């Protein structure tokens, strides 16, 4: 069951990710010295696309039954929606940037200069790095999917506590990594930071519920 239409949201994001990755792979053909940076970034976006495609089946499989703690069920869905929506906003902004660069293609010098600037932006270290932000979103989505899986397993009839332990450990470990990401995002995007911290809190509640 998908109570707040998250599957539809994920499905709408996948084509955008493919479009962005294809555009950046195209830039790499023009970039010469920066082609490695652009190809690596486009490959990471393709990796995000694969996570999104896997997310659809995970969400649909999590047919969470009625349960006493319905409040936690709602919170799990809300946190997952926040993680997915952050990715949508990130990819939309990136798509617009790619389109602007492509709009300069009639002027070869301008086109290559804008590609060079874009590649430098990706390659630069620090809190404003596009690649770092992409990796943060990937971690956030992975955390949300592990959380959904564990919550579903916890409330599936006939489950064994021992069967949950690997997932409890996995989610606990990934939440620790998410805490560092949240500190970075506070410097970058207040909304993303809020969603990550919300996800972190809900995930810990899911761990407690499963333990």
N, C-alpha and C. Protein backbone atom coordinates (compact mmCIF):
# COMPACT_ATOMS: atom_id res chain seq x y z
N UNK A 1 0.86 -1.19 0.00
CA UNK A 1 0.00 0.00 0.00
C UNK A 1 0.89 1.25 0.00
N UNK A 2 0.46 2.25 -0.73
CA UNK A 2 1.23 3.50 -0.82
C UNK A 2 0.32 4.64 -0.40
N UNK A 3 0.21 4.90 0.91
CA UNK A 3 -0.86 5.77 1.42
C UNK A 3 -0.76 7.22 1.00
N UNK A 4 0.40 7.72 0.62
CA UNK A 4 0.48 9.13 0.26
C UNK A 4 1.10 9.33 -1.13
N UNK A 5 0.97 8.30 -1.99
CA UNK A 5 1.37 8.46 -3.38
C UNK A 5 2.87 8.57 -3.60
N UNK A 6 3.68 7.94 -2.74
CA UNK A 6 5.13 8.06 -2.89
C UNK A 6 5.62 7.34 -4.14
N UNK A 7 5.00 6.21 -4.47
CA UNK A 7 5.42 5.47 -5.67
C UNK A 7 5.28 6.34 -6.92
N UNK A 8 4.17 7.08 -6.99
CA UNK A 8 3.97 7.96 -8.13
C UNK A 8 5.01 9.07 -8.19
N UNK A 9 5.38 9.59 -7.02
CA UNK A 9 6.41 10.63 -6.96
C UNK A 9 7.75 10.08 -7.43
N UNK A 10 8.10 8.88 -6.96
CA UNK A 10 9.35 8.26 -7.39
C UNK A 10 9.35 8.04 -8.90
N UNK A 11 8.24 7.53 -9.42
CA UNK A 11 8.15 7.26 -10.85
C UNK A 11 8.33 8.53 -11.68
N UNK A 12 7.88 9.66 -11.16
CA UNK A 12 8.00 10.92 -11.90
C UNK A 12 9.42 11.46 -11.89
N UNK A 13 10.23 11.02 -10.91
CA UNK A 13 11.60 11.52 -10.78
C UNK A 13 12.56 10.77 -11.70
N UNK A 14 12.32 9.47 -11.91
CA UNK A 14 13.27 8.64 -12.67
C UNK A 14 13.59 9.21 -14.05
N UNK A 15 12.60 9.63 -14.85
CA UNK A 15 12.94 10.20 -16.17
C UNK A 15 13.80 11.46 -16.07
N UNK A 16 13.58 12.27 -15.04
CA UNK A 16 14.38 13.48 -14.85
C UNK A 16 15.84 13.10 -14.60
N UNK A 17 16.04 12.09 -13.77
CA UNK A 17 17.41 11.65 -13.46
C UNK A 17 18.10 11.14 -14.72
N UNK A 18 17.38 10.36 -15.53
CA UNK A 18 17.97 9.88 -16.78
C UNK A 18 18.33 11.03 -17.71
N UNK A 19 17.46 12.02 -17.78
CA UNK A 19 17.69 13.18 -18.65
C UNK A 19 18.93 13.96 -18.21
N UNK A 20 19.04 14.18 -16.91
CA UNK A 20 20.19 14.91 -16.36
C UNK A 20 21.48 14.13 -16.61
N UNK A 21 21.47 12.83 -16.35
CA UNK A 21 22.67 12.01 -16.55
C UNK A 21 23.10 12.03 -18.02
N UNK A 22 22.12 11.90 -18.92
CA UNK A 22 22.45 11.92 -20.36
C UNK A 22 23.06 13.26 -20.77
N UNK A 23 22.51 14.35 -20.24
CA UNK A 23 23.04 15.67 -20.57
C UNK A 23 24.47 15.85 -20.09
N UNK A 24 24.76 15.36 -18.89
CA UNK A 24 26.11 15.52 -18.34
C UNK A 24 27.10 14.61 -19.05
N UNK A 25 26.66 13.40 -19.43
CA UNK A 25 27.53 12.55 -20.25
C UNK A 25 27.85 13.26 -21.57
N UNK A 26 26.86 13.97 -22.13
CA UNK A 26 27.10 14.74 -23.35
C UNK A 26 28.11 15.85 -23.13
N UNK A 27 28.05 16.50 -21.98
CA UNK A 27 29.03 17.56 -21.68
C UNK A 27 30.44 16.98 -21.63
N UNK A 28 30.56 15.75 -21.12
CA UNK A 28 31.88 15.14 -20.98
C UNK A 28 32.57 14.98 -22.34
N UNK A 29 31.78 14.80 -23.40
CA UNK A 29 32.37 14.67 -24.74
C UNK A 29 33.01 15.97 -25.20
N UNK A 30 32.55 17.09 -24.64
CA UNK A 30 33.07 18.40 -25.01
C UNK A 30 34.12 18.92 -24.03
N UNK A 31 34.25 18.25 -22.90
CA UNK A 31 34.97 18.86 -21.78
C UNK A 31 36.47 18.66 -21.80
N UNK A 32 36.96 17.63 -22.51
CA UNK A 32 38.39 17.34 -22.56
C UNK A 32 38.97 17.18 -21.15
N UNK A 33 39.63 18.19 -20.61
CA UNK A 33 40.31 18.06 -19.32
C UNK A 33 39.35 17.72 -18.17
N UNK A 34 38.08 18.10 -18.32
CA UNK A 34 37.11 17.88 -17.24
C UNK A 34 36.19 16.68 -17.50
N UNK A 35 36.52 15.89 -18.52
CA UNK A 35 35.61 14.80 -18.89
C UNK A 35 35.50 13.75 -17.77
N UNK A 36 36.59 13.50 -17.06
CA UNK A 36 36.55 12.49 -15.99
C UNK A 36 35.60 12.91 -14.87
N UNK A 37 35.69 14.19 -14.50
CA UNK A 37 34.79 14.71 -13.46
C UNK A 37 33.33 14.58 -13.87
N UNK A 38 33.03 14.96 -15.10
CA UNK A 38 31.64 14.94 -15.57
C UNK A 38 31.13 13.51 -15.71
N UNK A 39 31.95 12.63 -16.25
CA UNK A 39 31.53 11.23 -16.40
C UNK A 39 31.26 10.60 -15.04
N UNK A 40 32.11 10.89 -14.06
CA UNK A 40 31.93 10.32 -12.72
C UNK A 40 30.63 10.83 -12.09
N UNK A 41 30.35 12.12 -12.27
CA UNK A 41 29.14 12.71 -11.71
C UNK A 41 27.90 12.12 -12.37
N UNK A 42 27.93 11.99 -13.69
CA UNK A 42 26.80 11.41 -14.42
C UNK A 42 26.57 9.96 -13.98
N UNK A 43 27.65 9.23 -13.74
CA UNK A 43 27.53 7.84 -13.29
C UNK A 43 26.88 7.77 -11.91
N UNK A 44 27.19 8.73 -11.05
CA UNK A 44 26.57 8.76 -9.72
C UNK A 44 25.07 9.03 -9.83
N UNK A 45 24.70 9.88 -10.77
CA UNK A 45 23.27 10.15 -10.98
C UNK A 45 22.57 8.90 -11.50
N UNK A 46 23.25 8.16 -12.37
CA UNK A 46 22.69 6.89 -12.83
C UNK A 46 22.51 5.92 -11.66
N UNK A 47 23.47 5.94 -10.72
CA UNK A 47 23.34 5.11 -9.53
C UNK A 47 22.12 5.49 -8.71
N UNK A 48 21.86 6.79 -8.60
CA UNK A 48 20.67 7.26 -7.90
C UNK A 48 19.41 6.78 -8.61
N UNK A 49 19.44 6.76 -9.93
CA UNK A 49 18.30 6.28 -10.71
C UNK A 49 17.99 4.83 -10.37
N UNK A 50 19.03 4.02 -10.23
CA UNK A 50 18.82 2.61 -9.89
C UNK A 50 18.20 2.47 -8.49
N UNK A 51 18.64 3.32 -7.56
CA UNK A 51 18.06 3.30 -6.21
C UNK A 51 16.58 3.67 -6.28
N UNK A 52 16.26 4.69 -7.07
CA UNK A 52 14.87 5.11 -7.22
C UNK A 52 14.01 4.01 -7.80
N UNK A 53 14.54 3.31 -8.80
CA UNK A 53 13.78 2.22 -9.41
C UNK A 53 13.54 1.10 -8.40
N UNK A 54 14.55 0.80 -7.59
CA UNK A 54 14.39 -0.22 -6.55
C UNK A 54 13.41 0.24 -5.47
N UNK A 55 13.38 1.56 -5.25
CA UNK A 55 12.51 2.11 -4.21
C UNK A 55 11.05 1.81 -4.49
N UNK A 56 10.66 1.82 -5.75
CA UNK A 56 9.26 1.60 -6.10
C UNK A 56 8.78 0.24 -5.60
N UNK A 57 9.58 -0.81 -5.83
CA UNK A 57 9.16 -2.13 -5.38
C UNK A 57 9.18 -2.23 -3.86
N UNK A 58 10.17 -1.59 -3.23
CA UNK A 58 10.23 -1.60 -1.76
C UNK A 58 8.99 -0.95 -1.16
N UNK A 59 8.61 0.19 -1.72
CA UNK A 59 7.43 0.91 -1.21
C UNK A 59 6.16 0.09 -1.43
N UNK A 60 6.03 -0.48 -2.62
CA UNK A 60 4.83 -1.25 -2.92
C UNK A 60 4.75 -2.54 -2.10
N UNK A 61 5.91 -3.13 -1.81
CA UNK A 61 5.93 -4.37 -1.02
C UNK A 61 5.58 -4.12 0.45
N UNK A 62 5.81 -2.89 0.91
CA UNK A 62 5.58 -2.58 2.33
C UNK A 62 4.09 -2.37 2.59
N UNK A 63 3.33 -3.42 2.44
CA UNK A 63 1.88 -3.36 2.63
C UNK A 63 1.60 -3.40 4.13
N UNK A 64 1.86 -2.28 4.79
CA UNK A 64 1.83 -2.22 6.24
C UNK A 64 0.40 -2.41 6.75
N UNK A 65 0.16 -3.43 7.55
CA UNK A 65 -1.20 -3.68 8.05
C UNK A 65 -1.59 -2.70 9.14
N UNK A 66 -2.88 -2.69 9.46
CA UNK A 66 -3.33 -1.88 10.60
C UNK A 66 -2.59 -2.37 11.85
N UNK A 67 -2.20 -1.44 12.68
CA UNK A 67 -1.39 -1.78 13.83
C UNK A 67 -1.68 -0.80 14.95
N UNK A 68 -1.34 -1.17 16.19
CA UNK A 68 -1.63 -0.26 17.31
C UNK A 68 -0.93 1.08 17.17
N UNK A 69 0.33 1.07 16.73
CA UNK A 69 1.08 2.32 16.64
C UNK A 69 0.91 2.95 15.26
N UNK A 70 -0.29 3.39 14.98
CA UNK A 70 -0.55 3.98 13.66
C UNK A 70 0.21 5.29 13.48
N UNK A 71 0.49 5.99 14.59
CA UNK A 71 1.23 7.24 14.50
C UNK A 71 2.61 7.04 13.90
N UNK A 72 3.26 5.93 14.27
CA UNK A 72 4.58 5.64 13.73
C UNK A 72 4.50 5.33 12.25
N UNK A 73 3.45 4.64 11.85
CA UNK A 73 3.26 4.34 10.42
C UNK A 73 3.19 5.64 9.62
N UNK A 74 2.44 6.60 10.11
CA UNK A 74 2.31 7.89 9.43
C UNK A 74 3.66 8.60 9.37
N UNK A 75 4.41 8.53 10.47
CA UNK A 75 5.71 9.19 10.51
C UNK A 75 6.70 8.55 9.53
N UNK A 76 6.65 7.23 9.40
CA UNK A 76 7.52 6.54 8.44
C UNK A 76 7.22 7.02 7.02
N UNK A 77 5.96 7.10 6.68
CA UNK A 77 5.57 7.56 5.34
C UNK A 77 5.99 9.01 5.11
N UNK A 78 5.81 9.84 6.12
CA UNK A 78 6.18 11.25 6.00
C UNK A 78 7.69 11.41 5.79
N UNK A 79 8.48 10.67 6.56
CA UNK A 79 9.94 10.77 6.45
C UNK A 79 10.42 10.27 5.09
N UNK A 80 9.82 9.19 4.60
CA UNK A 80 10.18 8.68 3.27
C UNK A 80 9.83 9.70 2.19
N UNK A 81 8.65 10.31 2.31
CA UNK A 81 8.22 11.32 1.35
C UNK A 81 9.19 12.50 1.34
N UNK A 82 9.66 12.93 2.50
CA UNK A 82 10.61 14.04 2.57
C UNK A 82 11.90 13.72 1.86
N UNK A 83 12.42 12.49 2.05
CA UNK A 83 13.67 12.08 1.40
C UNK A 83 13.51 12.07 -0.11
N UNK A 84 12.38 11.55 -0.58
CA UNK A 84 12.15 11.48 -2.03
C UNK A 84 11.95 12.88 -2.61
N UNK A 85 11.22 13.72 -1.91
CA UNK A 85 10.96 15.06 -2.42
C UNK A 85 12.24 15.90 -2.48
N UNK A 86 13.16 15.70 -1.53
CA UNK A 86 14.45 16.39 -1.59
C UNK A 86 15.20 16.03 -2.86
N UNK A 87 15.14 14.76 -3.24
CA UNK A 87 15.80 14.32 -4.47
C UNK A 87 15.14 14.96 -5.68
N UNK A 88 13.81 15.02 -5.66
CA UNK A 88 13.09 15.65 -6.78
C UNK A 88 13.53 17.10 -6.97
N UNK A 89 13.61 17.87 -5.88
CA UNK A 89 14.02 19.27 -5.97
C UNK A 89 15.46 19.39 -6.46
N UNK A 90 16.33 18.53 -5.95
CA UNK A 90 17.74 18.54 -6.35
C UNK A 90 17.86 18.29 -7.86
N UNK A 91 17.17 17.27 -8.35
CA UNK A 91 17.28 16.92 -9.78
C UNK A 91 16.62 17.96 -10.66
N UNK A 92 15.54 18.57 -10.20
CA UNK A 92 14.90 19.62 -10.99
C UNK A 92 15.84 20.82 -11.15
N UNK A 93 16.51 21.20 -10.07
CA UNK A 93 17.45 22.31 -10.15
C UNK A 93 18.60 21.97 -11.09
N UNK A 94 19.06 20.73 -11.00
CA UNK A 94 20.16 20.29 -11.86
C UNK A 94 19.72 20.24 -13.32
N UNK A 95 18.48 19.79 -13.54
CA UNK A 95 17.96 19.74 -14.92
C UNK A 95 17.91 21.13 -15.54
N UNK A 96 17.47 22.12 -14.78
CA UNK A 96 17.42 23.49 -15.28
C UNK A 96 18.82 24.01 -15.61
N UNK A 97 19.79 23.66 -14.77
CA UNK A 97 21.16 24.08 -15.02
C UNK A 97 21.70 23.43 -16.29
N UNK A 98 21.43 22.14 -16.46
CA UNK A 98 21.87 21.43 -17.67
C UNK A 98 21.23 22.06 -18.91
N UNK A 99 19.95 22.38 -18.82
CA UNK A 99 19.26 23.00 -19.96
C UNK A 99 19.85 24.36 -20.31
N UNK A 100 20.22 25.14 -19.30
CA UNK A 100 20.83 26.44 -19.57
C UNK A 100 22.17 26.28 -20.30
N UNK A 101 22.95 25.31 -19.87
CA UNK A 101 24.23 25.07 -20.55
C UNK A 101 23.99 24.61 -21.98
N UNK A 102 23.05 23.71 -22.17
CA UNK A 102 22.73 23.22 -23.51
C UNK A 102 22.24 24.35 -24.41
N UNK A 103 21.61 25.36 -23.82
CA UNK A 103 21.13 26.50 -24.61
C UNK A 103 22.25 27.33 -25.20
N UNK A 104 23.48 27.15 -24.70
CA UNK A 104 24.63 27.88 -25.22
C UNK A 104 25.36 27.14 -26.33
N UNK A 105 24.82 26.00 -26.76
CA UNK A 105 25.56 25.12 -27.67
C UNK A 105 25.83 25.75 -29.03
N UNK A 106 25.04 26.76 -29.41
CA UNK A 106 25.28 27.40 -30.71
C UNK A 106 26.57 28.20 -30.71
N UNK A 107 27.03 28.63 -29.55
CA UNK A 107 28.29 29.37 -29.43
C UNK A 107 29.31 28.43 -28.78
N UNK A 108 30.24 27.91 -29.59
CA UNK A 108 31.14 26.87 -29.10
C UNK A 108 31.98 27.32 -27.91
N UNK A 109 32.50 28.53 -27.99
CA UNK A 109 33.35 29.01 -26.90
C UNK A 109 32.55 29.17 -25.60
N UNK A 110 31.37 29.77 -25.72
CA UNK A 110 30.52 29.96 -24.54
C UNK A 110 30.09 28.61 -23.98
N UNK A 111 29.76 27.70 -24.88
CA UNK A 111 29.31 26.36 -24.47
C UNK A 111 30.40 25.66 -23.67
N UNK A 112 31.61 25.66 -24.18
CA UNK A 112 32.71 24.98 -23.49
C UNK A 112 33.08 25.69 -22.19
N UNK A 113 32.98 26.99 -22.17
CA UNK A 113 33.28 27.73 -20.95
C UNK A 113 32.27 27.41 -19.84
N UNK A 114 30.99 27.34 -20.21
CA UNK A 114 29.98 27.03 -19.20
C UNK A 114 30.12 25.58 -18.71
N UNK A 115 30.49 24.68 -19.60
CA UNK A 115 30.74 23.30 -19.19
C UNK A 115 31.92 23.25 -18.23
N UNK A 116 32.97 23.99 -18.55
CA UNK A 116 34.15 24.02 -17.69
C UNK A 116 33.79 24.55 -16.29
N UNK A 117 32.99 25.61 -16.24
CA UNK A 117 32.56 26.17 -14.96
C UNK A 117 31.72 25.17 -14.17
N UNK A 118 30.83 24.48 -14.88
CA UNK A 118 29.96 23.48 -14.26
C UNK A 118 30.81 22.33 -13.69
N UNK A 119 31.79 21.86 -14.46
CA UNK A 119 32.66 20.77 -14.01
C UNK A 119 33.47 21.20 -12.79
N UNK A 120 33.95 22.43 -12.80
CA UNK A 120 34.71 22.93 -11.66
C UNK A 120 33.85 22.98 -10.40
N UNK A 121 32.59 23.34 -10.59
CA UNK A 121 31.64 23.40 -9.47
C UNK A 121 31.46 22.01 -8.86
N UNK A 122 31.39 20.99 -9.71
CA UNK A 122 31.22 19.62 -9.24
C UNK A 122 32.47 19.14 -8.52
N UNK A 123 33.62 19.53 -9.03
CA UNK A 123 34.90 19.00 -8.55
C UNK A 123 35.38 19.70 -7.28
N UNK A 124 34.81 20.87 -6.98
CA UNK A 124 35.28 21.65 -5.83
C UNK A 124 34.83 21.00 -4.52
N UNK A 125 35.73 20.95 -3.55
CA UNK A 125 35.37 20.38 -2.26
C UNK A 125 34.68 21.43 -1.40
N UNK A 126 34.01 20.98 -0.35
CA UNK A 126 33.35 21.92 0.55
C UNK A 126 31.86 21.69 0.62
N UNK A 127 31.18 22.48 1.44
CA UNK A 127 29.76 22.24 1.70
C UNK A 127 28.86 22.54 0.52
N UNK A 128 29.36 23.25 -0.49
CA UNK A 128 28.51 23.56 -1.64
C UNK A 128 28.74 22.61 -2.81
N UNK A 129 29.47 21.55 -2.61
CA UNK A 129 29.80 20.62 -3.68
C UNK A 129 28.56 19.86 -4.14
N UNK A 130 28.26 19.91 -5.44
CA UNK A 130 27.10 19.20 -5.97
C UNK A 130 27.18 17.71 -5.74
N UNK A 131 28.38 17.16 -5.85
CA UNK A 131 28.53 15.72 -5.67
C UNK A 131 28.26 15.33 -4.22
N UNK A 132 28.75 16.13 -3.29
CA UNK A 132 28.50 15.84 -1.88
C UNK A 132 27.01 15.87 -1.58
N UNK A 133 26.32 16.83 -2.16
CA UNK A 133 24.88 16.94 -1.95
C UNK A 133 24.15 15.73 -2.53
N UNK A 134 24.58 15.29 -3.72
CA UNK A 134 23.98 14.10 -4.32
C UNK A 134 24.17 12.89 -3.42
N UNK A 135 25.36 12.72 -2.88
CA UNK A 135 25.64 11.59 -2.01
C UNK A 135 24.82 11.64 -0.72
N UNK A 136 24.59 12.86 -0.23
CA UNK A 136 23.73 13.02 0.95
C UNK A 136 22.31 12.55 0.65
N UNK A 137 21.79 12.92 -0.51
CA UNK A 137 20.44 12.50 -0.89
C UNK A 137 20.37 10.98 -1.07
N UNK A 138 21.41 10.39 -1.64
CA UNK A 138 21.43 8.93 -1.78
C UNK A 138 21.39 8.25 -0.42
N UNK A 139 22.18 8.76 0.51
CA UNK A 139 22.21 8.20 1.87
C UNK A 139 20.85 8.35 2.54
N UNK A 140 20.23 9.50 2.37
CA UNK A 140 18.92 9.76 2.96
C UNK A 140 17.88 8.78 2.41
N UNK A 141 17.88 8.58 1.09
CA UNK A 141 16.92 7.66 0.48
C UNK A 141 17.18 6.23 0.93
N UNK A 142 18.45 5.82 0.97
CA UNK A 142 18.78 4.48 1.43
C UNK A 142 18.29 4.26 2.86
N UNK A 143 18.51 5.27 3.72
CA UNK A 143 18.05 5.17 5.11
C UNK A 143 16.54 4.98 5.16
N UNK A 144 15.82 5.77 4.37
CA UNK A 144 14.36 5.70 4.36
C UNK A 144 13.87 4.33 3.91
N UNK A 145 14.53 3.75 2.90
CA UNK A 145 14.10 2.46 2.39
C UNK A 145 14.37 1.33 3.39
N UNK A 146 15.53 1.38 4.05
CA UNK A 146 15.83 0.39 5.09
C UNK A 146 14.81 0.52 6.24
N UNK A 147 14.48 1.76 6.58
CA UNK A 147 13.51 2.02 7.63
C UNK A 147 12.14 1.43 7.27
N UNK A 148 11.69 1.67 6.04
CA UNK A 148 10.39 1.15 5.59
C UNK A 148 10.39 -0.37 5.64
N UNK A 149 11.48 -0.97 5.18
CA UNK A 149 11.58 -2.44 5.17
C UNK A 149 11.51 -3.01 6.59
N UNK A 150 12.27 -2.40 7.51
CA UNK A 150 12.27 -2.89 8.89
C UNK A 150 10.90 -2.70 9.54
N UNK A 151 10.29 -1.56 9.32
CA UNK A 151 8.97 -1.30 9.92
C UNK A 151 7.95 -2.31 9.41
N UNK A 152 8.02 -2.59 8.11
CA UNK A 152 7.11 -3.58 7.53
C UNK A 152 7.35 -4.96 8.13
N UNK A 153 8.63 -5.35 8.22
CA UNK A 153 8.97 -6.67 8.76
C UNK A 153 8.54 -6.81 10.21
N UNK A 154 8.69 -5.72 10.98
CA UNK A 154 8.33 -5.75 12.40
C UNK A 154 6.85 -6.06 12.60
N UNK A 155 6.02 -5.56 11.69
CA UNK A 155 4.57 -5.70 11.85
C UNK A 155 3.98 -6.72 10.89
N UNK A 156 4.83 -7.64 10.42
CA UNK A 156 4.35 -8.75 9.60
C UNK A 156 4.10 -9.96 10.51
N UNK A 157 2.94 -10.53 10.41
CA UNK A 157 2.58 -11.66 11.28
C UNK A 157 3.57 -12.81 11.11
N UNK A 158 3.97 -13.40 12.25
CA UNK A 158 4.83 -14.57 12.21
C UNK A 158 6.31 -14.28 12.11
N UNK A 159 6.69 -13.00 12.15
CA UNK A 159 8.12 -12.69 12.06
C UNK A 159 8.83 -13.14 13.33
N UNK A 160 10.10 -13.48 13.18
CA UNK A 160 10.95 -13.87 14.29
C UNK A 160 11.87 -12.72 14.67
N UNK A 161 12.02 -12.47 15.97
CA UNK A 161 12.86 -11.37 16.43
C UNK A 161 14.28 -11.51 15.90
N UNK A 162 14.78 -12.74 15.86
CA UNK A 162 16.15 -12.96 15.37
C UNK A 162 16.30 -12.53 13.92
N UNK A 163 15.22 -12.65 13.15
CA UNK A 163 15.28 -12.26 11.74
C UNK A 163 15.42 -10.75 11.56
N UNK A 164 14.99 -10.00 12.56
CA UNK A 164 15.04 -8.55 12.47
C UNK A 164 16.41 -7.97 12.82
N UNK A 165 17.22 -8.74 13.54
CA UNK A 165 18.47 -8.19 14.06
C UNK A 165 19.39 -7.62 12.99
N UNK A 166 19.59 -8.31 11.86
CA UNK A 166 20.47 -7.72 10.83
C UNK A 166 19.96 -6.38 10.32
N UNK A 167 18.63 -6.25 10.15
CA UNK A 167 18.07 -4.99 9.68
C UNK A 167 18.14 -3.91 10.75
N UNK A 168 17.97 -4.30 12.00
CA UNK A 168 18.10 -3.33 13.10
C UNK A 168 19.52 -2.77 13.12
N UNK A 169 20.49 -3.67 13.00
CA UNK A 169 21.90 -3.25 12.99
C UNK A 169 22.18 -2.36 11.79
N UNK A 170 21.67 -2.77 10.64
CA UNK A 170 21.91 -1.99 9.40
C UNK A 170 21.33 -0.59 9.51
N UNK A 171 20.10 -0.48 10.01
CA UNK A 171 19.48 0.84 10.12
C UNK A 171 20.18 1.68 11.16
N UNK A 172 20.57 1.09 12.29
CA UNK A 172 21.29 1.85 13.32
C UNK A 172 22.59 2.41 12.78
N UNK A 173 23.30 1.61 12.01
CA UNK A 173 24.59 2.05 11.45
C UNK A 173 24.40 3.18 10.44
N UNK A 174 23.40 3.07 9.58
CA UNK A 174 23.21 4.08 8.54
C UNK A 174 22.70 5.39 9.14
N UNK A 175 21.95 5.31 10.25
CA UNK A 175 21.47 6.53 10.91
C UNK A 175 22.65 7.33 11.47
N UNK A 176 23.67 6.63 11.95
CA UNK A 176 24.86 7.34 12.45
C UNK A 176 25.52 8.15 11.33
N UNK A 177 25.59 7.56 10.15
CA UNK A 177 26.15 8.28 9.00
C UNK A 177 25.26 9.46 8.62
N UNK A 178 23.96 9.28 8.77
CA UNK A 178 23.01 10.34 8.42
C UNK A 178 23.17 11.54 9.34
N UNK A 179 23.59 11.32 10.58
CA UNK A 179 23.77 12.43 11.51
C UNK A 179 24.83 13.40 11.00
N UNK A 180 25.92 12.87 10.44
CA UNK A 180 26.96 13.72 9.86
C UNK A 180 26.43 14.47 8.65
N UNK A 181 25.64 13.79 7.83
CA UNK A 181 25.06 14.44 6.65
C UNK A 181 24.13 15.58 7.05
N UNK A 182 23.38 15.39 8.12
CA UNK A 182 22.46 16.43 8.59
C UNK A 182 23.23 17.67 9.01
N UNK A 183 24.37 17.49 9.65
CA UNK A 183 25.19 18.64 10.06
C UNK A 183 25.67 19.42 8.84
N UNK A 184 26.03 18.72 7.77
CA UNK A 184 26.46 19.39 6.54
C UNK A 184 25.30 20.13 5.89
N UNK A 185 24.14 19.49 5.83
CA UNK A 185 23.01 20.09 5.14
C UNK A 185 22.47 21.32 5.86
N UNK A 186 22.70 21.42 7.17
CA UNK A 186 22.26 22.61 7.90
C UNK A 186 22.95 23.85 7.35
N UNK A 187 24.16 23.68 6.82
CA UNK A 187 24.89 24.80 6.25
C UNK A 187 24.44 25.10 4.83
N UNK A 188 23.67 24.20 4.24
CA UNK A 188 23.41 24.28 2.82
C UNK A 188 21.94 24.52 2.48
N UNK A 189 21.05 23.83 3.15
CA UNK A 189 19.64 23.87 2.77
C UNK A 189 18.81 23.53 4.00
N UNK A 190 18.08 24.52 4.52
CA UNK A 190 17.33 24.33 5.75
C UNK A 190 16.26 23.25 5.61
N UNK A 191 15.59 23.19 4.44
CA UNK A 191 14.53 22.21 4.25
C UNK A 191 15.10 20.80 4.21
N UNK A 192 16.20 20.62 3.47
CA UNK A 192 16.83 19.30 3.42
C UNK A 192 17.31 18.89 4.80
N UNK A 193 17.90 19.83 5.54
CA UNK A 193 18.36 19.55 6.89
C UNK A 193 17.20 19.09 7.77
N UNK A 194 16.06 19.77 7.65
CA UNK A 194 14.89 19.39 8.45
C UNK A 194 14.44 17.97 8.11
N UNK A 195 14.37 17.66 6.81
CA UNK A 195 13.92 16.33 6.39
C UNK A 195 14.88 15.25 6.87
N UNK A 196 16.17 15.52 6.82
CA UNK A 196 17.15 14.52 7.26
C UNK A 196 17.04 14.29 8.75
N UNK A 197 16.91 15.35 9.52
CA UNK A 197 16.79 15.20 10.97
C UNK A 197 15.48 14.51 11.35
N UNK A 198 14.42 14.80 10.61
CA UNK A 198 13.15 14.12 10.85
C UNK A 198 13.30 12.63 10.54
N UNK A 199 13.93 12.32 9.42
CA UNK A 199 14.17 10.93 9.05
C UNK A 199 14.99 10.21 10.10
N UNK A 200 16.01 10.88 10.59
CA UNK A 200 16.88 10.30 11.62
C UNK A 200 16.07 9.94 12.87
N UNK A 201 15.23 10.86 13.31
CA UNK A 201 14.42 10.61 14.50
C UNK A 201 13.43 9.49 14.31
N UNK A 202 12.75 9.46 13.16
CA UNK A 202 11.76 8.41 12.90
C UNK A 202 12.45 7.05 12.78
N UNK A 203 13.61 7.02 12.13
CA UNK A 203 14.34 5.76 11.98
C UNK A 203 14.72 5.18 13.34
N UNK A 204 15.12 6.02 14.26
CA UNK A 204 15.46 5.55 15.60
C UNK A 204 14.23 5.01 16.32
N UNK A 205 13.08 5.62 16.07
CA UNK A 205 11.84 5.10 16.66
C UNK A 205 11.49 3.73 16.08
N UNK A 206 11.75 3.56 14.79
CA UNK A 206 11.49 2.26 14.13
C UNK A 206 12.41 1.19 14.72
N UNK A 207 13.68 1.55 14.97
CA UNK A 207 14.62 0.63 15.61
C UNK A 207 14.11 0.22 17.00
N UNK A 208 13.67 1.22 17.76
CA UNK A 208 13.15 0.95 19.12
C UNK A 208 11.92 0.06 19.05
N UNK A 209 11.05 0.33 18.07
CA UNK A 209 9.83 -0.45 17.90
C UNK A 209 10.15 -1.91 17.56
N UNK A 210 11.22 -2.12 16.80
CA UNK A 210 11.58 -3.47 16.35
C UNK A 210 12.37 -4.25 17.39
N UNK A 211 12.97 -3.54 18.34
CA UNK A 211 13.88 -4.20 19.30
C UNK A 211 13.13 -4.90 20.44
